[in-house]
Amino acid sequence: MITLQQIQAALDASGEITPRVAELRPSAVLVPLIERDNGLHMLLTQRAEHLRHHAGQISFPGGSMDDTDDDLIHTALRETEEEVGIQQHHINVMGKLPLQPTTTGFLIQPVVGIIPHDMELDLCKDEVSDAFEAPLDFVCDPDNQIHSYREFGGKNYSIYSIPYDGWNIWGATASIIVKFSQLIGHSSYIEKL
């Protein structure tokens, strides 16, 4: 079972990797973790169908950096509060994952944070149509991460999908989860259970 101590050790040991891309719009997402009796869970959202970017897709709470944001961590916390109603002071930030570029022109900074297990969500229906939890052990298990290729703009891109309980987590969100699971699983600073 993945623990918060393993996650913190991996985040502390990782170096931030900046991909060799240019002119991408800075954005951030929160990778929200919830402690449950049966282990850690991850909160995911389904984006509203009318949105211009990534409509209907499974995602983490987040969005583009505003001029008023101090940094990308602030972006992730602000967007989480706006989208699912979790106030920023209730989120315990653990660290950042490697940056994630997208084919749609965004450079995403994933921020890992713990949210209270008894927090009631208040979904902003303009942005989020639904929210659900997935067990961290399930989504981080390589056996549940399906790798394939998808053509976009005349190029083939490596993508992942993680089917869970009728949901299909794919694209940038699945890539972030895969990188997170690799970071947790491959850190030399973590003892395997």
C-alpha atoms as a PDB file:
ATOM      1  CA  MET A   1       0.000   0.000   0.000  1.00  0.00           C
ATOM      2  CA  ILE A   2       1.316   3.431  -0.944  1.00  0.00           C
ATOM      3  CA  THR A   3       1.835   5.696   2.075  1.00  0.00           C
ATOM      4  CA  LEU A   4       2.146   9.440   2.557  1.00  0.00           C
ATOM      5  CA  GLN A   5       5.695   8.890   3.828  1.00  0.00           C
ATOM      6  CA  GLN A   6       6.634   7.194   0.533  1.00  0.00           C
ATOM      7  CA  ILE A   7       5.094  10.032  -1.449  1.00  0.00           C
ATOM      8  CA  GLN A   8       6.836  12.723   0.601  1.00  0.00           C
ATOM      9  CA  ALA A   9      10.214  10.956   0.295  1.00  0.00           C
ATOM     10  CA  ALA A  10       9.793  10.640  -3.487  1.00  0.00           C
ATOM     11  CA  LEU A  11       8.749  14.270  -3.896  1.00  0.00           C
ATOM     12  CA  ASP A  12      11.676  15.428  -1.742  1.00  0.00           C
ATOM     13  CA  ALA A  13      14.122  13.310  -3.755  1.00  0.00           C
ATOM     14  CA  SER A  14      12.874  14.304  -7.199  1.00  0.00           C
ATOM     15  CA  GLY A  15      14.285  17.120  -9.234  1.00  0.00           C
ATOM     16  CA  GLU A  16      11.921  19.226 -11.295  1.00  0.00           C
ATOM     17  CA  ILE A  17      12.315  18.380 -14.969  1.00  0.00           C
ATOM     18  CA  THR A  18      11.595  21.096 -17.514  1.00  0.00           C
ATOM     19  CA  PRO A  19      10.763  19.697 -20.950  1.00  0.00           C
ATOM     20  CA  ARG A  20      12.321  21.201 -24.054  1.00  0.00           C
ATOM     21  CA  VAL A  21       9.248  23.012 -25.282  1.00  0.00           C
ATOM     22  CA  ALA A  22       8.492  26.666 -25.844  1.00  0.00           C
ATOM     23  CA  GLU A  23       5.505  28.985 -25.905  1.00  0.00           C
ATOM     24  CA  LEU A  24       3.229  26.811 -23.830  1.00  0.00           C
ATOM     25  CA  ARG A  25       0.670  28.419 -21.541  1.00  0.00           C
ATOM     26  CA  PRO A  26       1.609  27.972 -17.851  1.00  0.00           C
ATOM     27  CA  SER A  27      -1.044  26.119 -15.851  1.00  0.00           C
ATOM     28  CA  ALA A  28      -1.281  23.990 -12.732  1.00  0.00           C
ATOM     29  CA  VAL A  29      -3.395  21.204 -11.290  1.00  0.00           C
ATOM     30  CA  LEU A  30      -3.781  19.835  -7.800  1.00  0.00           C
ATOM     31  CA  VAL A  31      -3.250  16.099  -7.421  1.00  0.00           C
ATOM     32  CA  PRO A  32      -5.546  15.801  -4.372  1.00  0.00           C
ATOM     33  CA  LEU A  33      -4.946  12.876  -2.028  1.00  0.00           C
ATOM     34  CA  ILE A  34      -7.395  11.752   0.637  1.00  0.00           C
ATOM     35  CA  GLU A  35      -6.549   9.447   3.547  1.00  0.00           C
ATOM     36  CA  ARG A  36      -9.187   6.706   3.915  1.00  0.00           C
ATOM     37  CA  ASP A  37      -9.291   3.653   6.185  1.00  0.00           C
ATOM     38  CA  ASN A  38      -8.520   1.433   3.178  1.00  0.00           C
ATOM     39  CA  GLY A  39      -5.594   3.573   1.941  1.00  0.00           C
ATOM     40  CA  LEU A  40      -4.982   6.746  -0.001  1.00  0.00           C
ATOM     41  CA  HIS A  41      -7.427   7.890  -2.661  1.00  0.00           C
ATOM     42  CA  MET A  42      -7.089  10.448  -5.434  1.00  0.00           C
ATOM     43  CA  LEU A  43      -9.827  12.989  -6.225  1.00  0.00           C
ATOM     44  CA  LEU A  44     -10.583  13.439  -9.926  1.00  0.00           C
ATOM     45  CA  THR A  45     -13.118  15.586 -11.747  1.00  0.00           C
ATOM     46  CA  GLN A  46     -15.002  15.414 -15.010  1.00  0.00           C
ATOM     47  CA  ARG A  47     -14.830  18.663 -16.934  1.00  0.00           C
ATOM     48  CA  ALA A  48     -18.082  20.216 -18.134  1.00  0.00           C
ATOM     49  CA  GLU A  49     -19.093  19.359 -21.708  1.00  0.00           C
ATOM     50  CA  HIS A  50     -19.321  22.987 -22.890  1.00  0.00           C
ATOM     51  CA  LEU A  51     -15.732  23.954 -22.038  1.00  0.00           C
ATOM     52  CA  ARG A  52     -13.429  25.029 -24.870  1.00  0.00           C
ATOM     53  CA  HIS A  53     -10.460  22.896 -23.758  1.00  0.00           C
ATOM     54  CA  HIS A  54     -10.696  19.188 -22.810  1.00  0.00           C
ATOM     55  CA  ALA A  55     -14.512  19.158 -22.533  1.00  0.00           C
ATOM     56  CA  GLY A  56     -15.902  16.119 -20.722  1.00  0.00           C
ATOM     57  CA  GLN A  57     -12.473  14.712 -19.894  1.00  0.00           C
ATOM     58  CA  ILE A  58     -11.365  13.364 -16.544  1.00  0.00           C
ATOM     59  CA  SER A  59      -8.917  15.767 -14.942  1.00  0.00           C
ATOM     60  CA  PHE A  60      -7.484  17.124 -11.753  1.00  0.00           C
ATOM     61  CA  PRO A  61      -8.784  20.452 -10.445  1.00  0.00           C
ATOM     62  CA  GLY A  62      -6.736  23.198 -12.070  1.00  0.00           C
ATOM     63  CA  GLY A  63      -6.314  25.655 -14.885  1.00  0.00           C
ATOM     64  CA  SER A  64      -4.258  28.448 -16.385  1.00  0.00           C
ATOM     65  CA  MET A  65      -2.112  30.775 -14.333  1.00  0.00           C
ATOM     66  CA  ASP A  66      -3.650  34.208 -13.734  1.00  0.00           C
ATOM     67  CA  ASP A  67      -1.752  37.478 -13.391  1.00  0.00           C
ATOM     68  CA  THR A  68      -2.915  37.585  -9.767  1.00  0.00           C
ATOM     69  CA  ASP A  69      -1.320  34.201  -8.898  1.00  0.00           C
ATOM     70  CA  ASP A  70       1.912  34.340  -6.894  1.00  0.00           C
ATOM     71  CA  ASP A  71       3.165  31.106  -8.472  1.00  0.00           C
ATOM     72  CA  LEU A  72       1.883  27.859  -9.967  1.00  0.00           C
ATOM     73  CA  ILE A  73       1.195  26.341  -6.545  1.00  0.00           C
ATOM     74  CA  HIS A  74      -1.151  29.274  -5.907  1.00  0.00           C
ATOM     75  CA  THR A  75      -2.750  28.601  -9.313  1.00  0.00           C
ATOM     76  CA  ALA A  76      -3.456  24.973  -8.364  1.00  0.00           C
ATOM     77  CA  LEU A  77      -4.909  25.931  -4.977  1.00  0.00           C
ATOM     78  CA  ARG A  78      -7.023  28.795  -6.371  1.00  0.00           C
ATOM     79  CA  GLU A  79      -8.417  26.665  -9.181  1.00  0.00           C
ATOM     80  CA  THR A  80      -9.215  23.830  -6.766  1.00  0.00           C
ATOM     81  CA  GLU A  81     -11.174  26.190  -4.551  1.00  0.00           C
ATOM     82  CA  GLU A  82     -13.032  27.594  -7.574  1.00  0.00           C
ATOM     83  CA  GLU A  83     -13.819  24.210  -9.146  1.00  0.00           C
ATOM     84  CA  VAL A  84     -14.606  21.912  -6.216  1.00  0.00           C
ATOM     85  CA  GLY A  85     -14.990  24.278  -3.248  1.00  0.00           C
ATOM     86  CA  ILE A  86     -12.033  23.126  -1.143  1.00  0.00           C
ATOM     87  CA  GLN A  87     -10.625  26.228   0.500  1.00  0.00           C
ATOM     88  CA  GLN A  88      -6.914  26.776  -0.015  1.00  0.00           C
ATOM     89  CA  HIS A  89      -6.058  26.722   3.694  1.00  0.00           C
ATOM     90  CA  HIS A  90      -7.503  23.181   3.968  1.00  0.00           C
ATOM     91  CA  ILE A  91      -4.960  21.809   1.454  1.00  0.00           C
ATOM     92  CA  ASN A  92      -1.620  20.520   2.744  1.00  0.00           C
ATOM     93  CA  VAL A  93       0.834  20.884  -0.165  1.00  0.00           C
ATOM     94  CA  MET A  94       3.419  18.068  -0.246  1.00  0.00           C
ATOM     95  CA  GLY A  95       5.395  19.072  -3.348  1.00  0.00           C
ATOM     96  CA  LYS A  96       5.462  19.266  -7.122  1.00  0.00           C
ATOM     97  CA  LEU A  97       5.693  16.628  -9.832  1.00  0.00           C
ATOM     98  CA  PRO A  98       7.593  17.087 -13.132  1.00  0.00           C
ATOM     99  CA  LEU A  99       6.029  19.540 -15.570  1.00  0.00           C
ATOM    100  CA  GLN A 100       3.602  18.031 -18.099  1.00  0.00           C
ATOM    101  CA  PRO A 101       3.356  19.560 -21.598  1.00  0.00           C
ATOM    102  CA  THR A 102       0.178  18.968 -23.602  1.00  0.00           C
ATOM    103  CA  THR A 103      -0.434  18.818 -27.338  1.00  0.00           C
ATOM    104  CA  THR A 104      -3.054  21.544 -26.869  1.00  0.00           C
ATOM    105  CA  GLY A 105      -0.525  24.197 -25.818  1.00  0.00           C
ATOM    106  CA  PHE A 106      -0.407  24.004 -22.020  1.00  0.00           C
ATOM    107  CA  LEU A 107       2.499  23.362 -19.660  1.00  0.00           C
ATOM    108  CA  ILE A 108       0.994  21.857 -16.503  1.00  0.00           C
ATOM    109  CA  GLN A 109       2.610  22.007 -13.065  1.00  0.00           C
ATOM    110  CA  PRO A 110       1.099  19.155 -11.013  1.00  0.00           C
ATOM    111  CA  VAL A 111       1.029  19.949  -7.285  1.00  0.00           C
ATOM    112  CA  VAL A 112       0.474  17.094  -4.824  1.00  0.00           C
ATOM    113  CA  GLY A 113      -1.645  17.963  -1.807  1.00  0.00           C
ATOM    114  CA  ILE A 114      -3.647  16.292   0.923  1.00  0.00           C
ATOM    115  CA  ILE A 115      -7.276  17.298   1.396  1.00  0.00           C
ATOM    116  CA  PRO A 116      -9.398  16.495   4.457  1.00  0.00           C
ATOM    117  CA  HIS A 117     -11.276  13.182   4.257  1.00  0.00           C
ATOM    118  CA  ASP A 118     -14.500  14.764   5.515  1.00  0.00           C
ATOM    119  CA  MET A 119     -14.480  17.712   3.105  1.00  0.00           C
ATOM    120  CA  GLU A 120     -17.773  18.271   1.285  1.00  0.00           C
ATOM    121  CA  LEU A 121     -17.318  19.254  -2.335  1.00  0.00           C
ATOM    122  CA  ASP A 122     -19.111  22.226  -3.852  1.00  0.00           C
ATOM    123  CA  LEU A 123     -18.741  21.703  -7.600  1.00  0.00           C
ATOM    124  CA  CYS A 124     -18.727  24.713  -9.894  1.00  0.00           C
ATOM    125  CA  LYS A 125     -21.104  23.317 -12.529  1.00  0.00           C
ATOM    126  CA  ASP A 126     -19.803  25.816 -15.113  1.00  0.00           C
ATOM    127  CA  GLU A 127     -16.466  23.980 -15.042  1.00  0.00           C
ATOM    128  CA  VAL A 128     -16.998  20.569 -13.426  1.00  0.00           C
ATOM    129  CA  SER A 129     -19.847  18.160 -14.120  1.00  0.00           C
ATOM    130  CA  ASP A 130     -18.817  15.446 -11.639  1.00  0.00           C
ATOM    131  CA  ALA A 131     -16.126  14.312  -9.188  1.00  0.00           C
ATOM    132  CA  PHE A 132     -15.048  10.903  -7.915  1.00  0.00           C
ATOM    133  CA  GLU A 133     -12.325   9.175  -5.928  1.00  0.00           C
ATOM    134  CA  ALA A 134     -10.041   6.414  -7.171  1.00  0.00           C
ATOM    135  CA  PRO A 135      -7.767   4.313  -4.931  1.00  0.00           C
ATOM    136  CA  LEU A 136      -4.159   5.468  -5.317  1.00  0.00           C
ATOM    137  CA  ASP A 137      -2.919   1.874  -5.270  1.00  0.00           C
ATOM    138  CA  PHE A 138      -5.172   1.072  -8.243  1.00  0.00           C
ATOM    139  CA  VAL A 139      -4.293   4.035 -10.482  1.00  0.00           C
ATOM    140  CA  CYS A 140      -0.580   3.753  -9.657  1.00  0.00           C
ATOM    141  CA  ASP A 141      -0.429   0.035 -10.481  1.00  0.00           C
ATOM    142  CA  PRO A 142       1.360  -0.357 -13.867  1.00  0.00           C
ATOM    143  CA  ASP A 143      -0.970  -3.279 -14.663  1.00  0.00           C
ATOM    144  CA  ASN A 144      -3.865  -0.787 -14.767  1.00  0.00           C
ATOM    145  CA  GLN A 145      -2.042   1.773 -16.948  1.00  0.00           C
ATOM    146  CA  ILE A 146      -2.701   1.063 -20.625  1.00  0.00           C
ATOM    147  CA  HIS A 147      -0.094   2.457 -23.007  1.00  0.00           C
ATOM    148  CA  SER A 148      -0.904   3.258 -26.645  1.00  0.00           C
ATOM    149  CA  TYR A 149      -0.272   5.824 -29.359  1.00  0.00           C
ATOM    150  CA  ARG A 150      -2.593   8.471 -30.730  1.00  0.00           C
ATOM    151  CA  GLU A 151      -2.248  10.586 -33.845  1.00  0.00           C
ATOM    152  CA  PHE A 152      -2.607  14.360 -33.410  1.00  0.00           C
ATOM    153  CA  GLY A 153      -1.620  16.975 -35.961  1.00  0.00           C
ATOM    154  CA  GLY A 154       0.077  14.403 -38.168  1.00  0.00           C
ATOM    155  CA  LYS A 155       2.283  13.047 -35.360  1.00  0.00           C
ATOM    156  CA  ASN A 156       1.968   9.954 -33.174  1.00  0.00           C
ATOM    157  CA  TYR A 157       2.017  10.610 -29.434  1.00  0.00           C
ATOM    158  CA  SER A 158       2.498   8.155 -26.604  1.00  0.00           C
ATOM    159  CA  ILE A 159      -0.567   8.200 -24.330  1.00  0.00           C
ATOM    160  CA  TYR A 160      -1.846   6.344 -21.304  1.00  0.00           C
ATOM    161  CA  SER A 161      -5.328   5.482 -20.174  1.00  0.00           C
ATOM    162  CA  ILE A 162      -6.448   4.130 -16.821  1.00  0.00           C
ATOM    163  CA  PRO A 163      -9.982   2.697 -16.821  1.00  0.00           C
ATOM    164  CA  TYR A 164     -11.560   2.754 -13.370  1.00  0.00           C
ATOM    165  CA  ASP A 165     -15.140   1.989 -12.309  1.00  0.00           C
ATOM    166  CA  GLY A 166     -16.694   3.181 -15.582  1.00  0.00           C
ATOM    167  CA  TRP A 167     -14.410   6.223 -15.901  1.00  0.00           C
ATOM    168  CA  ASN A 168     -11.631   6.528 -18.471  1.00  0.00           C
ATOM    169  CA  ILE A 169      -8.682   8.544 -17.192  1.00  0.00           C
ATOM    170  CA  TRP A 170      -6.460   9.376 -20.164  1.00  0.00           C
ATOM    171  CA  GLY A 171      -4.279  12.020 -21.783  1.00  0.00           C
ATOM    172  CA  ALA A 172      -2.361  14.484 -19.620  1.00  0.00           C
ATOM    173  CA  THR A 173      -4.143  13.371 -16.436  1.00  0.00           C
ATOM    174  CA  ALA A 174      -3.147   9.737 -16.968  1.00  0.00           C
ATOM    175  CA  SER A 175       0.403  10.821 -17.866  1.00  0.00           C
ATOM    176  CA  ILE A 176       0.658  12.749 -14.610  1.00  0.00           C
ATOM    177  CA  ILE A 177      -0.546   9.692 -12.679  1.00  0.00           C
ATOM    178  CA  VAL A 178       1.948   7.434 -14.495  1.00  0.00           C
ATOM    179  CA  LYS A 179       4.836   9.834 -13.751  1.00  0.00           C
ATOM    180  CA  PHE A 180       3.671  10.036 -10.130  1.00  0.00           C
ATOM    181  CA  SER A 181       3.578   6.233  -9.830  1.00  0.00           C
ATOM    182  CA  GLN A 182       7.019   5.945 -11.431  1.00  0.00           C
ATOM    183  CA  LEU A 183       8.401   8.550  -9.059  1.00  0.00           C
ATOM    184  CA  ILE A 184       6.995   6.698  -6.044  1.00  0.00           C
ATOM    185  CA  GLY A 185       8.082   3.287  -7.322  1.00  0.00           C
ATOM    186  CA  HIS A 186      11.550   4.138  -8.555  1.00  0.00           C
ATOM    187  CA  SER A 187      12.888   6.433  -5.865  1.00  0.00           C
ATOM    188  CA  SER A 188      16.060   4.939  -4.393  1.00  0.00           C
ATOM    189  CA  TYR A 189      15.136   6.671  -1.135  1.00  0.00           C
ATOM    190  CA  ILE A 190      12.033   4.536  -0.622  1.00  0.00           C
ATOM    191  CA  GLU A 191      12.009   1.067   0.845  1.00  0.00           C
ATOM    192  CA  LYS A 192       9.650  -1.221  -1.017  1.00  0.00           C
ATOM    193  CA  LEU A 193       6.920  -2.785   1.133  1.00  0.00           C
END
